């Protein structure tokens, strides 16, 4: 026998007899390979961080063989998911849909057709998406949050969502908080809706009113290992009223100070959230400052002339508060030199019951 050729021979002193020789044929085997393609495009012929296969290859008769197939499954479901079976390494061409059921591929061929000598099918895994939410906490209409994408089409609001397509390899944009007017001020970023827990370096980076979330740290000791990745979370931008002060200045008394030593002038301040108002007393040409008033609110200062009856005044003045520099000056001119004019007069006791 030489190759596939047989050449029978006989000894010189022998004669040929009826003889049958048998040529045996066997089917060749075909090979099917199953390969993992991770989110970075790397190929794996064994279990990977993103997923596993029940089989990474099989051999079968090239004509009569039937494929057993392989099942793809994510081993780290919060971070990776199975995307599909493909016939090319670039994972652009999905295999025949009839071959795949719930992540299991079972390649088939037509009866009598030959399997390719070698076939490779690719199980593609991708990263899971994650959504990070940014919310406003504070008085109605106090401010907005807006994604840091510099996209004019993005609408700022009291709640905005940022979806990061790839939670492991992606990059968060973050958001910027902005008060709606100078009536309000931005306080800070927090991790709880009650705004009692400020964000820290492990949560992300704060620059002025902007916040960019950080990935959670990796844990290689976990089973399966946990990659550095973004977690679904909500971060809260806290706003509150912008508070300022109001200074009441009393003027006009100094000209008569020698006649009326220690003269007290009383003022009532109303408006904003002061309810029925508050009383303020000033001795002579002095001043008093009221703190903790709300920017943007209008307050009215009224001199209680029933107390300082011997003086004419500007009566009342109103002011809408700005973040700083809020001053109201009340001018007085004495209209009566003496305390008594011969008549007994009962004046109102503004501090009475």
Protein backbone atom coordinates (compact mmCIF):
# COMPACT_ATOMS: atom_id res chain seq x y z
CA UNK A 1 0.00 0.00 0.00
CA UNK A 2 1.25 3.40 -0.95
CA UNK A 3 -1.03 6.22 0.03
CA UNK A 4 -4.50 5.15 -1.02
CA UNK A 5 -3.17 2.71 -3.67
CA UNK A 6 -2.92 -1.06 -3.11
CA UNK A 7 -0.72 -3.25 -5.33
CA UNK A 8 -1.09 -6.94 -4.39
CA UNK A 9 1.93 -9.19 -5.01
CA UNK A 10 2.57 -12.95 -4.89
CA UNK A 11 5.54 -15.10 -4.31
CA UNK A 12 7.20 -16.41 -7.48
CA UNK A 13 6.22 -20.00 -6.86
CA UNK A 14 2.65 -19.19 -5.89
CA UNK A 15 -0.40 -18.80 -8.04
CA UNK A 16 -3.04 -16.04 -7.85
CA UNK A 17 -6.18 -17.00 -6.06
CA UNK A 18 -9.51 -15.19 -5.72
CA UNK A 19 -8.93 -12.52 -3.13
CA UNK A 20 -10.96 -9.46 -1.99
CA UNK A 21 -9.47 -6.39 -0.47
CA UNK A 22 -11.59 -3.80 1.33
CA UNK A 23 -11.03 -0.03 1.19
CA UNK A 24 -12.40 1.46 4.42
CA UNK A 25 -13.47 5.08 4.60
CA UNK A 26 -14.23 7.11 7.73
CA UNK A 27 -15.80 10.53 8.09
CA UNK A 28 -13.47 13.36 8.85
CA UNK A 29 -14.17 15.45 11.91
CA UNK A 30 -15.12 19.11 11.85
CA UNK A 31 -14.23 21.49 14.68
CA UNK A 32 -16.53 24.10 16.17
CA UNK A 33 -15.01 26.69 18.50
CA UNK A 34 -16.94 28.84 20.94
CA UNK A 35 -15.20 32.03 22.04
CA UNK A 36 -16.01 34.79 24.55
CA UNK A 37 -15.60 38.39 23.38
CA UNK A 38 -15.42 40.78 26.35
CA UNK A 39 -16.60 44.43 26.31
CA UNK A 40 -13.11 45.56 25.27
CA UNK A 41 -13.12 43.24 22.25
CA UNK A 42 -10.67 40.75 23.74
CA UNK A 43 -11.21 37.07 22.96
CA UNK A 44 -11.22 34.34 25.63
CA UNK A 45 -11.20 30.57 25.19
CA UNK A 46 -11.82 30.08 28.89
CA UNK A 47 -13.96 31.66 31.59
CA UNK A 48 -13.58 35.45 31.76
CA UNK A 49 -14.51 38.18 34.24
CA UNK A 50 -17.56 39.05 32.15
CA UNK A 51 -18.97 35.54 31.62
CA UNK A 52 -18.59 31.83 30.94
CA UNK A 53 -19.50 29.22 28.33
CA UNK A 54 -20.53 25.64 28.98
CA UNK A 55 -18.33 24.55 26.08
CA UNK A 56 -15.43 26.19 24.32
CA UNK A 57 -15.28 23.73 21.43
CA UNK A 58 -16.37 20.39 20.07
CA UNK A 59 -15.49 17.96 17.29
CA UNK A 60 -18.12 16.13 15.27
CA UNK A 61 -18.34 14.03 12.08
CA UNK A 62 -18.24 16.38 9.14
CA UNK A 63 -21.27 14.81 7.37
CA UNK A 64 -23.43 13.07 9.94
CA UNK A 65 -22.48 14.92 13.09
CA UNK A 66 -24.83 17.09 15.12
CA UNK A 67 -23.55 19.96 17.23
CA UNK A 68 -24.07 19.95 21.00
CA UNK A 69 -23.67 23.71 21.26
CA UNK A 70 -22.74 26.00 24.15
CA UNK A 71 -24.55 28.22 26.63
CA UNK A 72 -23.34 31.73 27.48
CA UNK A 73 -23.98 33.23 30.91
CA UNK A 74 -22.80 36.33 32.73
CA UNK A 75 -20.89 35.54 35.90
CA UNK A 76 -21.11 39.12 37.15
CA UNK A 77 -24.63 40.15 36.22
CA UNK A 78 -24.67 43.55 37.93
CA UNK A 79 -21.78 44.67 35.74
CA UNK A 80 -21.92 42.58 32.53
CA UNK A 81 -24.59 40.99 30.39
CA UNK A 82 -24.65 38.59 27.46
CA UNK A 83 -25.36 40.42 24.21
CA UNK A 84 -25.64 37.59 21.65
CA UNK A 85 -23.92 35.03 19.44
CA UNK A 86 -22.04 36.25 16.36
CA UNK A 87 -20.34 34.62 13.40
CA UNK A 88 -17.51 37.17 13.15
CA UNK A 89 -14.83 38.26 15.62
CA UNK A 90 -15.91 41.90 15.34
CA UNK A 91 -19.40 40.83 16.47
CA UNK A 92 -21.24 42.59 13.70
CA UNK A 93 -23.07 39.57 12.20
CA UNK A 94 -25.44 37.66 14.44
CA UNK A 95 -25.87 33.94 13.83
CA UNK A 96 -29.10 32.47 12.52
CA UNK A 97 -31.74 33.30 15.13
CA UNK A 98 -33.12 29.76 14.96
CA UNK A 99 -29.86 28.48 16.42
CA UNK A 100 -30.16 30.43 19.69
CA UNK A 101 -32.48 29.97 22.66
CA UNK A 102 -31.91 31.80 25.95
CA UNK A 103 -28.20 32.19 25.41
CA UNK A 104 -27.66 28.65 24.10
CA UNK A 105 -26.36 28.20 20.58
CA UNK A 106 -26.85 24.93 18.70
CA UNK A 107 -25.48 25.29 15.16
CA UNK A 108 -27.23 23.21 12.48
CA UNK A 109 -26.73 22.36 8.81
CA UNK A 110 -28.86 20.94 6.04
CA UNK A 111 -29.10 17.15 5.71
CA UNK A 112 -26.29 15.84 3.55
CA UNK A 113 -24.35 19.08 3.72
CA UNK A 114 -20.87 19.18 5.14
CA UNK A 115 -19.81 21.00 8.23
CA UNK A 116 -17.02 23.48 7.57
CA UNK A 117 -13.72 22.01 8.64
CA UNK A 118 -13.46 24.71 11.31
CA UNK A 119 -16.18 27.06 12.54
CA UNK A 120 -15.97 29.69 15.26
CA UNK A 121 -18.86 31.40 16.97
CA UNK A 122 -18.46 34.36 19.29
CA UNK A 123 -20.37 35.06 22.49
CA UNK A 124 -20.35 38.81 23.00
CA UNK A 125 -20.64 40.34 26.48
CA UNK A 126 -21.24 44.02 27.14
CA UNK A 127 -21.27 46.20 30.22
CA UNK A 128 -24.48 46.91 32.04
CA UNK A 129 -25.79 50.50 31.99
CA UNK A 130 -26.44 52.42 35.20
CA UNK A 131 -28.47 55.54 35.97
CA UNK A 132 -27.38 58.27 38.37
CA UNK A 133 -29.99 60.80 39.47
CA UNK A 134 -29.47 64.39 40.59
CA UNK A 135 -32.29 66.06 42.56
CA UNK A 136 -33.03 69.49 44.00
CA UNK A 137 -33.99 69.79 47.67
CA UNK A 138 -35.28 73.10 49.00
CA UNK A 139 -38.12 75.62 48.76
CA UNK A 140 -40.32 75.49 45.67
CA UNK A 141 -38.64 77.17 42.73
CA UNK A 142 -35.33 77.48 44.55
CA UNK A 143 -33.07 76.16 41.79
CA UNK A 144 -32.22 73.55 39.20
CA UNK A 145 -29.64 70.90 38.36
CA UNK A 146 -28.22 70.41 34.88
CA UNK A 147 -25.96 67.74 33.41
CA UNK A 148 -22.39 68.85 32.70
CA UNK A 149 -22.65 68.01 29.00
CA UNK A 150 -22.68 71.56 27.60
CA UNK A 151 -25.56 70.47 25.41
CA UNK A 152 -28.05 73.24 24.74
CA UNK A 153 -30.75 70.62 24.20
CA UNK A 154 -30.42 69.39 27.77
CA UNK A 155 -33.11 70.92 29.94
CA UNK A 156 -32.24 71.76 33.53
CA UNK A 157 -34.80 70.70 36.10
CA UNK A 158 -35.42 69.70 39.66
CA UNK A 159 -34.59 66.08 38.76
CA UNK A 160 -32.26 64.96 35.98
CA UNK A 161 -31.06 61.47 35.15
CA UNK A 162 -27.71 60.53 33.69
CA UNK A 163 -27.52 57.09 32.09
CA UNK A 164 -23.99 55.74 31.76
CA UNK A 165 -24.05 53.09 29.06
CA UNK A 166 -20.93 51.32 30.32
CA UNK A 167 -20.83 51.36 34.09
CA UNK A 168 -17.30 49.91 34.27
CA UNK A 169 -15.44 51.75 31.50
CA UNK A 170 -17.73 54.77 31.11
CA UNK A 171 -17.29 58.26 32.53
CA UNK A 172 -19.94 60.18 34.44
CA UNK A 173 -20.67 63.76 33.42
CA UNK A 174 -22.04 64.90 36.75
CA UNK A 175 -24.31 67.89 37.29
CA UNK A 176 -24.21 71.53 38.29
CA UNK A 177 -26.64 73.16 40.70
CA UNK A 178 -27.84 76.73 40.14
CA UNK A 179 -30.16 78.87 42.31
CA UNK A 180 -33.10 80.36 40.41
CA UNK A 181 -32.42 83.85 41.78
CA UNK A 182 -30.53 85.64 44.52
CA UNK A 183 -33.40 84.83 46.86
CA UNK A 184 -31.88 81.36 47.22
CA UNK A 185 -28.41 80.00 47.77
CA UNK A 186 -26.84 76.63 47.06
CA UNK A 187 -25.77 74.84 50.25
CA UNK A 188 -24.09 71.67 49.00
CA UNK A 189 -24.35 68.15 47.60
CA UNK A 190 -25.64 65.30 49.78
CA UNK A 191 -26.17 61.55 49.54
CA UNK A 192 -29.49 61.46 51.42
CA UNK A 193 -32.79 63.20 50.69
CA UNK A 194 -32.82 64.82 54.15
CA UNK A 195 -29.46 66.40 53.28
CA UNK A 196 -27.73 65.34 56.48
CA UNK A 197 -24.85 63.43 54.88
CA UNK A 198 -22.60 65.59 52.67
CA UNK A 199 -20.79 63.91 49.79
CA UNK A 200 -17.17 62.97 50.48
CA UNK A 201 -14.18 62.27 48.24
CA UNK A 202 -15.20 58.63 47.85
CA UNK A 203 -18.56 59.77 46.44
CA UNK A 204 -17.10 62.13 43.86
CA UNK A 205 -15.60 65.55 43.22
CA UNK A 206 -17.24 68.85 44.10
CA UNK A 207 -16.10 72.01 42.29
CA UNK A 208 -18.08 75.09 43.29
CA UNK A 209 -21.67 73.97 42.61
CA UNK A 210 -20.73 71.10 40.30
CA UNK A 211 -20.56 67.45 41.37
CA UNK A 212 -19.05 64.55 39.40
CA UNK A 213 -19.65 61.07 40.88
CA UNK A 214 -16.80 58.61 41.41
CA UNK A 215 -16.75 54.89 40.70
CA UNK A 216 -17.03 52.45 43.55
CA UNK A 217 -13.69 50.84 44.37
CA UNK A 218 -12.82 47.44 42.88
CA UNK A 219 -12.74 44.32 45.04
CA UNK A 220 -10.56 41.66 43.49
CA UNK A 221 -11.09 39.34 46.48
CA UNK A 222 -14.82 39.05 45.93
CA UNK A 223 -16.28 36.05 44.13
CA UNK A 224 -16.84 36.95 41.40
CA UNK A 225 -14.40 39.90 41.48
CA UNK A 226 -16.04 43.33 41.61
CA UNK A 227 -14.64 45.83 39.11
CA UNK A 228 -14.36 49.55 39.73
CA UNK A 229 -17.71 50.78 38.45
CA UNK A 230 -20.47 53.30 38.92
CA UNK A 231 -23.37 52.32 41.13
CA UNK A 232 -26.94 53.46 40.71
CA UNK A 233 -27.34 56.38 43.11
CA UNK A 234 -29.17 59.62 43.79
CA UNK A 235 -27.36 62.78 44.82
CA UNK A 236 -29.16 65.79 46.27
CA UNK A 237 -28.43 69.47 45.65
CA UNK A 238 -29.64 71.42 48.67
CA UNK A 239 -30.86 75.02 48.40
CA UNK A 240 -32.16 77.33 51.07
CA UNK A 241 -33.25 80.92 51.33
CA UNK A 242 -30.44 83.40 50.92
CA UNK A 243 -30.42 85.32 54.21
CA UNK A 244 -29.18 88.84 54.74
CA UNK A 245 -29.50 91.70 57.20
CA UNK A 246 -31.32 95.03 57.40
CA UNK A 247 -29.87 98.05 59.22
CA UNK A 248 -32.21 100.74 60.53
CA UNK A 249 -30.47 104.10 60.94
CA UNK A 250 -32.04 106.83 63.06
CA UNK A 251 -31.08 110.40 62.02
CA UNK A 252 -32.05 113.91 63.23
CA UNK A 253 -31.79 113.39 66.99
CA UNK A 254 -28.25 114.74 67.47
CA UNK A 255 -29.38 118.33 66.94
CA UNK A 256 -31.46 118.15 70.13
CA UNK A 257 -29.49 115.60 72.15
CA UNK A 258 -28.60 118.09 74.85
CA UNK A 259 -32.25 118.82 75.42
CA UNK A 260 -33.49 115.17 75.20
CA UNK A 261 -30.71 112.97 76.60
CA UNK A 262 -31.22 109.21 76.02
CA UNK A 263 -34.30 109.71 73.88
CA UNK A 264 -35.51 106.29 72.63
CA UNK A 265 -37.18 105.77 69.29
CA UNK A 266 -39.22 102.63 68.57
CA UNK A 267 -39.78 101.03 65.18
CA UNK A 268 -41.93 98.17 63.97
CA UNK A 269 -40.58 95.99 61.15
CA UNK A 270 -43.04 93.92 59.11
CA UNK A 271 -42.96 91.84 55.95
CA UNK A 272 -41.30 88.68 54.71
CA UNK A 273 -41.71 85.87 57.24
CA UNK A 274 -41.92 88.17 60.29
CA UNK A 275 -45.61 87.54 60.77
CA UNK A 276 -47.03 90.33 62.96
CA UNK A 277 -43.65 92.03 62.90
CA UNK A 278 -40.91 92.76 65.41
CA UNK A 279 -40.18 95.85 67.54
CA UNK A 280 -36.79 97.58 67.44
CA UNK A 281 -35.61 100.41 69.75
CA UNK A 282 -32.79 102.86 68.98
CA UNK A 283 -31.30 105.38 71.38
CA UNK A 284 -30.52 108.73 69.84
CA UNK A 285 -28.93 108.84 66.41
CA UNK A 286 -27.95 105.19 66.47
CA UNK A 287 -28.70 102.10 64.44
CA UNK A 288 -29.84 98.52 64.83
CA UNK A 289 -29.21 95.59 62.50
CA UNK A 290 -31.66 92.73 62.07
CA UNK A 291 -30.13 89.51 60.74
CA UNK A 292 -31.66 86.38 59.18
CA UNK A 293 -34.01 88.14 56.76
CA UNK A 294 -34.77 86.70 53.35
CA UNK A 295 -33.24 88.16 50.21
CA UNK A 296 -35.90 89.27 47.73
CA UNK A 297 -38.59 89.84 50.36
CA UNK A 298 -39.98 93.32 51.01
CA UNK A 299 -39.89 94.69 54.57
CA UNK A 300 -41.44 97.88 55.95
CA UNK A 301 -39.93 99.93 58.81
CA UNK A 302 -42.46 102.11 60.64
CA UNK A 303 -41.65 104.51 63.48
CA UNK A 304 -44.08 104.27 66.37
CA UNK A 305 -44.89 107.99 66.61
CA UNK A 306 -47.21 107.42 69.55
CA UNK A 307 -44.05 106.75 71.54
CA UNK A 308 -41.83 109.53 70.19
CA UNK A 309 -44.73 111.93 69.93
CA UNK A 310 -42.61 115.06 70.20
CA UNK A 311 -40.92 114.26 66.87
CA UNK A 312 -42.05 114.22 63.30
CA UNK A 313 -40.62 111.33 61.25
CA UNK A 314 -40.61 109.78 57.79
CA UNK A 315 -43.32 107.54 59.21
CA UNK A 316 -42.50 104.34 57.26
CA UNK A 317 -40.16 103.13 54.55
CA UNK A 318 -40.14 99.86 52.58
CA UNK A 319 -37.18 98.02 51.09
CA UNK A 320 -36.78 94.86 49.00
CA UNK A 321 -33.72 93.12 50.38
CA UNK A 322 -30.62 92.46 48.30
CA UNK A 323 -27.79 90.08 49.29
CA UNK A 324 -25.99 93.00 50.99
CA UNK A 325 -26.15 96.75 51.64
CA UNK A 326 -29.69 96.94 52.99
CA UNK A 327 -30.17 100.13 54.98
CA UNK A 328 -33.24 102.19 55.88
CA UNK A 329 -32.74 105.69 57.35
CA UNK A 330 -35.55 107.32 59.31
CA UNK A 331 -35.22 111.08 59.78
CA UNK A 332 -36.80 112.85 62.74
CA UNK A 333 -37.53 116.54 63.38
CA UNK A 334 -38.59 117.63 66.87
CA UNK A 335 -41.93 119.38 66.76
CA UNK A 336 -42.44 119.96 70.53
CA UNK A 337 -39.69 121.43 72.68
CA UNK A 338 -41.26 120.63 76.04
CA UNK A 339 -42.62 117.41 77.43
CA UNK A 340 -45.68 119.14 78.87
CA UNK A 341 -47.75 121.99 77.44
CA UNK A 342 -50.04 122.47 80.43
CA UNK A 343 -52.30 119.57 79.60
CA UNK A 344 -52.03 116.07 81.02
CA UNK A 345 -51.79 113.66 78.06
CA UNK A 346 -51.78 109.86 78.23
CA UNK A 347 -49.66 108.33 75.46
CA UNK A 348 -49.91 104.76 74.32
CA UNK A 349 -47.62 102.30 76.07
CA UNK A 350 -46.47 100.23 73.15
CA UNK A 351 -44.97 97.64 75.48
CA UNK A 352 -48.12 97.34 77.55
CA UNK A 353 -50.29 94.26 77.78
